[in-house]
Amino acid sequence: MTLAIKKLIRLASVATLALGVAGAASADPLKIGFLYPSPIGDTGWAFELDQGRKAVEEAFGDKVETFFVENVPEGPDAARILNQMAAQGAGMIMAGSFGYMNDGLKLAGQKQDITFIHASGYKTLPNFGNFQTRNYESAYIAGMAAGFVTKSKTLGVVAAYPIPEVVGIINTFTLGAQRTNPDITTKVVWLNSWFNPSKAQESARSLIAQQADVIFSLYQDTPSVVTVAEEEGVYVVNTSSDMKKYAPNHLLASMTIDWGPHFTSQVQATLDGNFKGTAYWGGMADGAVGVASLSSDLTADQVAALNGVMDEIKAGTFHPMTGPITDQDGTEKLAEGVAIEDGAMLGINWLVTGVETRIPQ
């Protein structure tokens, strides 16, 4: 064997080894970090986000490796943990709170090899998408149910923050109630927190003392408001997941979310190398939101009315924010028959007639 042939064999062996190393590297699982603003628990926002994480694991098996950090406040702590996730080799990050947006965007700009999906935000980059659900659709249905059962005609809302998403949900909840009971008024307590069980309970009791006989737990990530309503014997509506077990007698409806399909589609895009930072807004039509555990106190005719409107929403023939609609000051915001556009809904900063509490300035 000549020296030249021996060299060729050695070069071929090195090339084969290099290809083997590259193949092993490409087979490494995609690391995905999930960041939650509250404890996971067994119901609520963080719980449903984590159900989405589990759906990803089930769909992709050993192609992915997921990890999560829970109960992380917005601000410096979130920024630090996002950076830690990147340092630990995450190829994808799910940032599960509105207040994580700017820190996530900054990191996405620095780490363009990482893909990001962000909850409830409105900004995007090529590697940074956002996602939210049209919870205003299920809120309208829950509001209709509230209008059916209220005796005092006063509804109470324990709300997280006065961001557009929450404002829009309060509006459609009130409009739904006014559809079935025109004299409805709504009182709101702003907690300025996603997770404050004791303050949420105190606020619920305050609203009940003001004659609210249907309480809406709006983005409170524990069953704290729900359990107070059960104890006090008033109806309750909650967001994010089914909380029937915490109010077996007085749960009026649970507004539910399913993140599994969207999360898996975004992981697939990352694995395929064709991820695009877009805005996702899932609704009833694609199964992202729904209404569960309607109270047995509702009559068959009332349930049929709720189902009929849900069918219209799914078909795209009805939008919960369709005029005529006026704001708290009596100014017309939507003329008769005009539905609000998505852009206006995403930035809504006014409350409808019938909501007594103002948006904090």
Protein backbone atom coordinates (compact mmCIF):
# COMPACT_ATOMS: atom_id res chain seq x y z
CA MET A 1 0.00 0.00 0.00
CA THR A 2 1.50 3.30 -1.04
CA LEU A 3 1.90 6.27 1.30
CA ALA A 4 -0.60 8.29 -0.75
CA ILE A 5 -3.30 5.59 -0.38
CA LYS A 6 -2.64 5.36 3.38
CA LYS A 7 -3.16 9.12 3.65
CA LEU A 8 -6.43 8.86 1.75
CA ILE A 9 -7.67 6.13 4.08
CA ARG A 10 -6.77 8.22 7.14
CA LEU A 11 -8.58 11.26 5.68
CA ALA A 12 -11.63 9.15 4.91
CA SER A 13 -11.65 7.82 8.48
CA VAL A 14 -11.46 11.34 9.90
CA ALA A 15 -14.30 12.45 7.64
CA THR A 16 -16.44 9.49 8.69
CA LEU A 17 -15.77 10.29 12.37
CA ALA A 18 -16.70 13.93 11.81
CA LEU A 19 -19.95 12.93 10.15
CA GLY A 20 -20.71 10.63 13.06
CA VAL A 21 -20.15 13.43 15.58
CA ALA A 22 -22.33 15.78 13.54
CA GLY A 23 -25.05 13.13 13.35
CA ALA A 24 -24.97 12.66 17.10
CA ALA A 25 -25.17 16.41 17.63
CA SER A 26 -28.16 16.73 15.32
CA ALA A 27 -29.88 13.98 17.29
CA ASP A 28 -29.62 15.93 20.54
CA PRO A 29 -33.07 16.80 21.91
CA LEU A 30 -34.38 20.34 21.63
CA LYS A 31 -34.22 21.89 25.09
CA ILE A 32 -37.32 23.98 25.85
CA GLY A 33 -37.59 26.22 28.90
CA PHE A 34 -41.02 27.17 30.29
CA LEU A 35 -41.35 30.20 32.57
CA TYR A 36 -44.52 30.60 34.68
CA PRO A 37 -45.62 33.66 36.71
CA SER A 38 -47.28 31.63 39.46
CA PRO A 39 -47.13 28.16 41.02
CA ILE A 40 -48.44 25.38 38.78
CA GLY A 41 -50.97 24.03 41.26
CA ASP A 42 -53.83 21.88 39.94
CA THR A 43 -55.90 24.57 38.18
CA GLY A 44 -55.42 28.00 36.66
CA TRP A 45 -53.15 29.81 34.21
CA ALA A 46 -49.81 28.25 35.09
CA PHE A 47 -51.42 24.82 35.32
CA GLU A 48 -52.81 25.13 31.79
CA LEU A 49 -49.47 26.37 30.45
CA ASP A 50 -47.87 23.32 32.00
CA GLN A 51 -50.49 21.09 30.41
CA GLY A 52 -49.27 22.56 27.13
CA ARG A 53 -45.71 21.60 28.09
CA LYS A 54 -46.84 18.04 28.79
CA ALA A 55 -48.62 17.93 25.43
CA VAL A 56 -45.28 18.84 23.80
CA GLU A 57 -43.52 16.01 25.64
CA GLU A 58 -46.21 13.56 24.60
CA ALA A 59 -46.09 14.67 20.97
CA PHE A 60 -42.31 14.66 20.52
CA GLY A 61 -40.95 12.17 23.04
CA ASP A 62 -37.15 12.07 23.13
CA LYS A 63 -36.86 14.73 20.42
CA VAL A 64 -37.38 17.34 23.13
CA GLU A 65 -36.25 17.95 26.69
CA THR A 66 -38.44 20.35 28.67
CA PHE A 67 -37.82 22.11 31.96
CA PHE A 68 -39.72 24.83 33.80
CA VAL A 69 -39.41 27.47 36.50
CA GLU A 70 -42.60 28.50 38.29
CA ASN A 71 -43.75 31.44 40.42
CA VAL A 72 -41.39 33.98 38.84
CA PRO A 73 -42.39 37.65 39.26
CA GLU A 74 -42.13 40.00 36.31
CA GLY A 75 -39.01 42.16 36.37
CA PRO A 76 -35.38 41.43 37.28
CA ASP A 77 -36.06 37.86 38.45
CA ALA A 78 -37.69 36.96 35.15
CA ALA A 79 -34.84 38.53 33.16
CA ARG A 80 -32.28 36.59 35.18
CA ILE A 81 -34.04 33.25 34.71
CA LEU A 82 -34.58 33.82 30.99
CA ASN A 83 -30.85 34.38 30.63
CA GLN A 84 -30.13 31.29 32.71
CA MET A 85 -32.36 29.22 30.42
CA ALA A 86 -30.39 30.43 27.41
CA ALA A 87 -27.10 29.65 29.17
CA GLN A 88 -28.34 26.14 29.95
CA GLY A 89 -28.73 25.46 26.25
CA ALA A 90 -32.40 26.11 25.66
CA GLY A 91 -33.17 26.20 21.96
CA MET A 92 -36.70 27.41 22.64
CA ILE A 93 -38.31 29.37 25.49
CA MET A 94 -41.95 29.83 26.42
CA ALA A 95 -42.39 33.04 28.46
CA GLY A 96 -45.76 32.73 30.15
CA SER A 97 -46.70 36.23 31.28
CA PHE A 98 -47.41 39.64 29.73
CA GLY A 99 -44.72 41.31 31.83
CA TYR A 100 -41.97 39.03 30.49
CA MET A 101 -42.26 40.61 27.04
CA ASN A 102 -39.53 43.24 27.02
CA ASP A 103 -36.95 41.05 28.75
CA GLY A 104 -37.79 38.23 26.35
CA LEU A 105 -37.46 40.54 23.34
CA LYS A 106 -34.07 41.76 24.51
CA LEU A 107 -32.81 38.21 24.89
CA ALA A 108 -34.30 37.16 21.55
CA GLY A 109 -32.40 39.98 19.86
CA GLN A 110 -29.16 38.77 21.43
CA LYS A 111 -29.80 35.03 20.90
CA GLN A 112 -31.23 34.71 17.44
CA ASP A 113 -30.64 30.95 17.43
CA ILE A 114 -33.30 30.57 20.16
CA THR A 115 -37.01 30.69 19.33
CA PHE A 116 -39.46 32.29 21.75
CA ILE A 117 -43.22 32.19 22.25
CA HIS A 118 -44.65 34.76 24.64
CA ALA A 119 -48.03 34.89 26.38
CA SER A 120 -50.40 37.83 25.93
CA GLY A 121 -47.94 40.25 24.36
CA TYR A 122 -48.11 42.28 21.19
CA LYS A 123 -44.52 42.53 19.93
CA THR A 124 -42.71 40.14 17.59
CA LEU A 125 -39.28 39.44 16.10
CA PRO A 126 -38.35 36.81 13.51
CA ASN A 127 -37.53 34.45 16.42
CA PHE A 128 -40.07 35.85 18.92
CA GLY A 129 -43.79 35.16 18.55
CA ASN A 130 -46.68 35.84 20.88
CA PHE A 131 -49.81 33.89 21.71
CA GLN A 132 -53.09 34.50 23.42
CA THR A 133 -56.63 33.23 23.28
CA ARG A 134 -59.88 34.96 22.53
CA ASN A 135 -61.09 34.62 26.09
CA TYR A 136 -63.51 37.43 25.41
CA GLU A 137 -65.56 34.84 23.46
CA SER A 138 -66.03 32.49 26.39
CA ALA A 139 -66.47 35.49 28.72
CA TYR A 140 -69.51 36.56 26.67
CA ILE A 141 -71.09 33.13 27.13
CA ALA A 142 -70.30 33.16 30.86
CA GLY A 143 -71.82 36.64 31.04
CA MET A 144 -75.02 35.42 29.41
CA ALA A 145 -75.21 32.70 32.07
CA ALA A 146 -74.62 35.30 34.80
CA GLY A 147 -77.48 37.39 33.45
CA PHE A 148 -79.76 34.37 33.63
CA VAL A 149 -79.09 33.61 37.31
CA THR A 150 -78.47 36.97 39.01
CA LYS A 151 -81.13 38.29 41.36
CA SER A 152 -79.37 41.51 42.41
CA LYS A 153 -78.40 42.39 38.82
CA THR A 154 -74.96 43.24 40.18
CA LEU A 155 -71.90 41.31 39.02
CA GLY A 156 -68.47 41.48 40.65
CA VAL A 157 -65.09 40.98 38.98
CA VAL A 158 -61.82 40.26 40.78
CA ALA A 159 -59.41 41.27 38.01
CA ALA A 160 -55.63 40.94 37.74
CA TYR A 161 -54.29 43.96 35.82
CA PRO A 162 -56.07 46.61 33.70
CA ILE A 163 -54.32 45.48 30.51
CA PRO A 164 -56.28 45.41 27.22
CA GLU A 165 -56.90 41.66 27.35
CA VAL A 166 -58.49 41.91 30.80
CA VAL A 167 -60.46 45.05 29.88
CA GLY A 168 -61.85 43.30 26.81
CA ILE A 169 -62.94 40.28 28.86
CA ILE A 170 -64.75 42.50 31.39
CA ASN A 171 -66.53 44.22 28.50
CA THR A 172 -67.79 41.06 26.85
CA PHE A 173 -68.74 39.48 30.19
CA THR A 174 -70.88 42.54 30.90
CA LEU A 175 -72.34 42.65 27.39
CA GLY A 176 -73.23 38.96 27.56
CA ALA A 177 -74.99 39.50 30.87
CA GLN A 178 -76.86 42.53 29.49
CA ARG A 179 -78.04 40.41 26.57
CA THR A 180 -79.99 38.18 28.95
CA ASN A 181 -80.66 40.77 31.67
CA PRO A 182 -80.49 44.37 30.35
CA ASP A 183 -80.23 46.13 33.73
CA ILE A 184 -76.92 44.53 34.70
CA THR A 185 -74.14 46.55 36.32
CA THR A 186 -70.60 45.33 36.98
CA LYS A 187 -68.19 46.26 39.76
CA VAL A 188 -64.46 45.56 39.46
CA VAL A 189 -61.64 45.23 41.98
CA TRP A 190 -58.20 45.60 40.39
CA LEU A 191 -55.62 43.49 42.23
CA ASN A 192 -52.57 44.46 40.14
CA SER A 193 -51.36 40.92 40.66
CA TRP A 194 -51.65 37.56 38.92
CA PHE A 195 -51.17 35.72 42.19
CA ASN A 196 -52.36 37.09 45.52
CA PRO A 197 -54.79 34.60 47.08
CA SER A 198 -55.45 36.49 50.30
CA LYS A 199 -56.14 39.80 48.55
CA ALA A 200 -58.29 38.00 45.98
CA GLN A 201 -60.42 36.46 48.75
CA GLU A 202 -60.75 39.82 50.50
CA SER A 203 -61.81 41.44 47.23
CA ALA A 204 -64.40 38.75 46.53
CA ARG A 205 -65.94 39.24 49.97
CA SER A 206 -66.00 43.01 49.40
CA LEU A 207 -67.90 42.58 46.14
CA ILE A 208 -70.38 40.21 47.77
CA ALA A 209 -70.94 42.82 50.51
CA GLN A 210 -71.82 45.24 47.67
CA GLN A 211 -74.64 42.88 46.58
CA ALA A 212 -72.79 41.12 43.76
CA ASP A 213 -74.35 37.67 43.50
CA VAL A 214 -72.18 36.44 40.62
CA ILE A 215 -68.41 36.77 41.07
CA PHE A 216 -65.94 36.53 38.19
CA SER A 217 -62.42 35.34 39.07
CA LEU A 218 -60.51 36.95 36.20
CA TYR A 219 -56.97 35.61 35.84
CA GLN A 220 -56.58 34.70 39.48
CA ASP A 221 -54.30 31.70 39.33
CA THR A 222 -55.75 29.92 42.36
CA PRO A 223 -59.27 28.82 43.33
CA SER A 224 -59.27 31.40 46.14
CA VAL A 225 -62.15 33.47 44.72
CA VAL A 226 -64.02 30.33 43.74
CA THR A 227 -63.90 28.89 47.25
CA VAL A 228 -65.12 32.17 48.77
CA ALA A 229 -68.11 32.17 46.42
CA GLU A 230 -68.91 28.59 47.38
CA GLU A 231 -68.72 29.46 51.08
CA GLU A 232 -70.88 32.56 50.67
CA GLY A 233 -73.44 30.85 48.45
CA VAL A 234 -73.06 33.04 45.35
CA TYR A 235 -72.40 31.96 41.78
CA VAL A 236 -68.87 32.15 40.42
CA VAL A 237 -67.18 32.14 37.01
CA ASN A 238 -63.46 31.51 36.60
CA THR A 239 -60.81 31.67 33.87
CA SER A 240 -58.19 29.29 32.50
CA SER A 241 -59.32 25.85 33.72
CA ASP A 242 -62.26 23.95 35.14
CA MET A 243 -62.62 24.60 38.89
CA LYS A 244 -65.84 22.67 39.48
CA LYS A 245 -64.31 20.65 42.30
CA TYR A 246 -63.75 23.84 44.32
CA ALA A 247 -67.34 25.04 44.00
CA PRO A 248 -69.52 21.97 43.36
CA ASN A 249 -72.72 23.86 44.21
CA HIS A 250 -72.10 27.38 42.95
CA LEU A 251 -69.76 27.22 39.97
CA LEU A 252 -71.73 28.82 37.16
CA ALA A 253 -69.18 28.21 34.38
CA SER A 254 -65.47 27.71 33.85
CA MET A 255 -63.73 29.39 30.92
CA THR A 256 -61.15 26.91 29.65
CA ILE A 257 -57.96 27.11 27.55
CA ASP A 258 -56.07 24.46 25.57
CA TRP A 259 -52.49 25.43 24.65
CA GLY A 260 -51.41 21.97 23.48
CA PRO A 261 -52.06 22.35 19.72
CA HIS A 262 -50.35 25.74 19.46
CA PHE A 263 -47.33 24.77 21.55
CA THR A 264 -46.77 21.59 19.55
CA SER A 265 -47.04 23.45 16.24
CA GLN A 266 -44.41 25.97 17.36
CA VAL A 267 -42.06 23.23 18.57
CA GLN A 268 -42.46 21.45 15.24
CA ALA A 269 -41.61 24.68 13.41
CA THR A 270 -38.49 25.07 15.55
CA LEU A 271 -37.42 21.48 14.90
CA ASP A 272 -38.02 21.95 11.17
CA GLY A 273 -36.05 25.20 11.11
CA ASN A 274 -38.93 27.29 9.77
CA PHE A 275 -40.12 29.07 12.91
CA LYS A 276 -41.56 32.53 12.29
CA GLY A 277 -42.31 35.05 15.02
CA THR A 278 -46.01 35.64 14.50
CA ALA A 279 -49.01 36.54 16.64
CA TYR A 280 -51.42 33.70 17.44
CA TRP A 281 -54.92 34.43 18.71
CA GLY A 282 -56.88 31.23 19.18
CA GLY A 283 -60.59 31.13 19.77
CA MET A 284 -63.61 28.88 19.91
CA ALA A 285 -63.36 28.12 16.20
CA ASP A 286 -60.09 26.22 16.65
CA GLY A 287 -60.78 24.76 20.09
CA ALA A 288 -58.37 27.04 21.95
CA VAL A 289 -61.08 28.33 24.31
CA GLY A 290 -64.32 26.88 25.59
CA VAL A 291 -66.83 26.82 28.43
CA ALA A 292 -67.04 23.90 30.85
CA SER A 293 -69.18 22.78 33.80
CA LEU A 294 -72.24 24.93 33.17
CA SER A 295 -74.38 24.97 36.30
CA SER A 296 -77.29 22.55 36.47
CA ASP A 297 -79.32 25.51 37.78
CA LEU A 298 -79.53 26.78 34.20
CA THR A 299 -82.66 25.61 32.40
CA ALA A 300 -82.59 23.59 29.21
CA ASP A 301 -83.74 26.64 27.25
CA GLN A 302 -80.98 28.76 28.78
CA VAL A 303 -78.31 26.20 27.94
CA ALA A 304 -79.68 25.99 24.41
CA ALA A 305 -79.37 29.78 24.11
CA LEU A 306 -75.73 29.63 25.25
CA ASN A 307 -74.94 26.82 22.83
CA GLY A 308 -76.62 28.71 20.01
CA VAL A 309 -74.40 31.77 20.52
CA MET A 310 -71.31 29.57 20.82
CA ASP A 311 -72.18 28.03 17.47
CA GLU A 312 -72.45 31.51 15.94
CA ILE A 313 -69.07 32.51 17.36
CA LYS A 314 -67.45 29.32 16.03
CA ALA A 315 -68.99 29.93 12.62
CA GLY A 316 -67.77 33.52 12.56
CA THR A 317 -71.28 34.93 12.20
CA PHE A 318 -71.25 36.74 15.55
CA HIS A 319 -68.63 38.77 17.41
CA PRO A 320 -69.24 39.55 21.11
CA MET A 321 -68.15 43.17 20.56
CA THR A 322 -70.76 44.13 17.96
CA GLY A 323 -72.51 47.51 18.11
CA PRO A 324 -74.35 49.42 19.16
CA ILE A 325 -71.92 49.73 22.07
CA THR A 326 -71.25 52.81 24.19
CA ASP A 327 -68.57 53.36 26.80
CA GLN A 328 -68.99 54.35 30.44
CA ASP A 329 -69.46 58.00 29.47
CA GLY A 330 -72.17 57.23 26.93
CA THR A 331 -69.94 57.81 23.90
CA GLU A 332 -70.73 55.51 20.98
CA LYS A 333 -67.77 53.25 20.30
CA LEU A 334 -69.33 50.84 17.83
CA ALA A 335 -72.31 51.65 15.60
CA GLU A 336 -75.14 49.19 15.20
CA GLY A 337 -74.04 46.05 13.42
CA VAL A 338 -70.33 46.99 13.43
CA ALA A 339 -67.94 44.48 15.00
CA ILE A 340 -64.71 45.65 16.58
CA GLU A 341 -61.55 44.97 14.56
CA ASP A 342 -58.85 42.73 15.99
CA GLY A 343 -56.35 45.57 16.29
CA ALA A 344 -58.78 47.68 18.28
CA MET A 345 -59.66 44.72 20.51
CA LEU A 346 -55.99 44.03 21.21
CA GLY A 347 -55.49 47.61 22.39
CA ILE A 348 -58.87 48.29 23.98
CA ASN A 349 -58.65 50.84 26.80
CA TRP A 350 -62.30 51.66 27.58
CA LEU A 351 -65.10 49.96 29.45
CA VAL A 352 -68.69 49.55 28.30
CA THR A 353 -71.77 51.17 29.76
CA GLY A 354 -72.81 49.22 32.84
CA VAL A 355 -69.31 48.77 34.27
CA GLU A 356 -69.22 51.11 37.26
CA THR A 357 -65.51 50.89 38.10
CA ARG A 358 -63.02 52.95 36.10
CA ILE A 359 -59.72 51.84 34.58
CA PRO A 360 -56.90 53.10 36.83
CA GLN A 361 -54.90 55.95 35.35
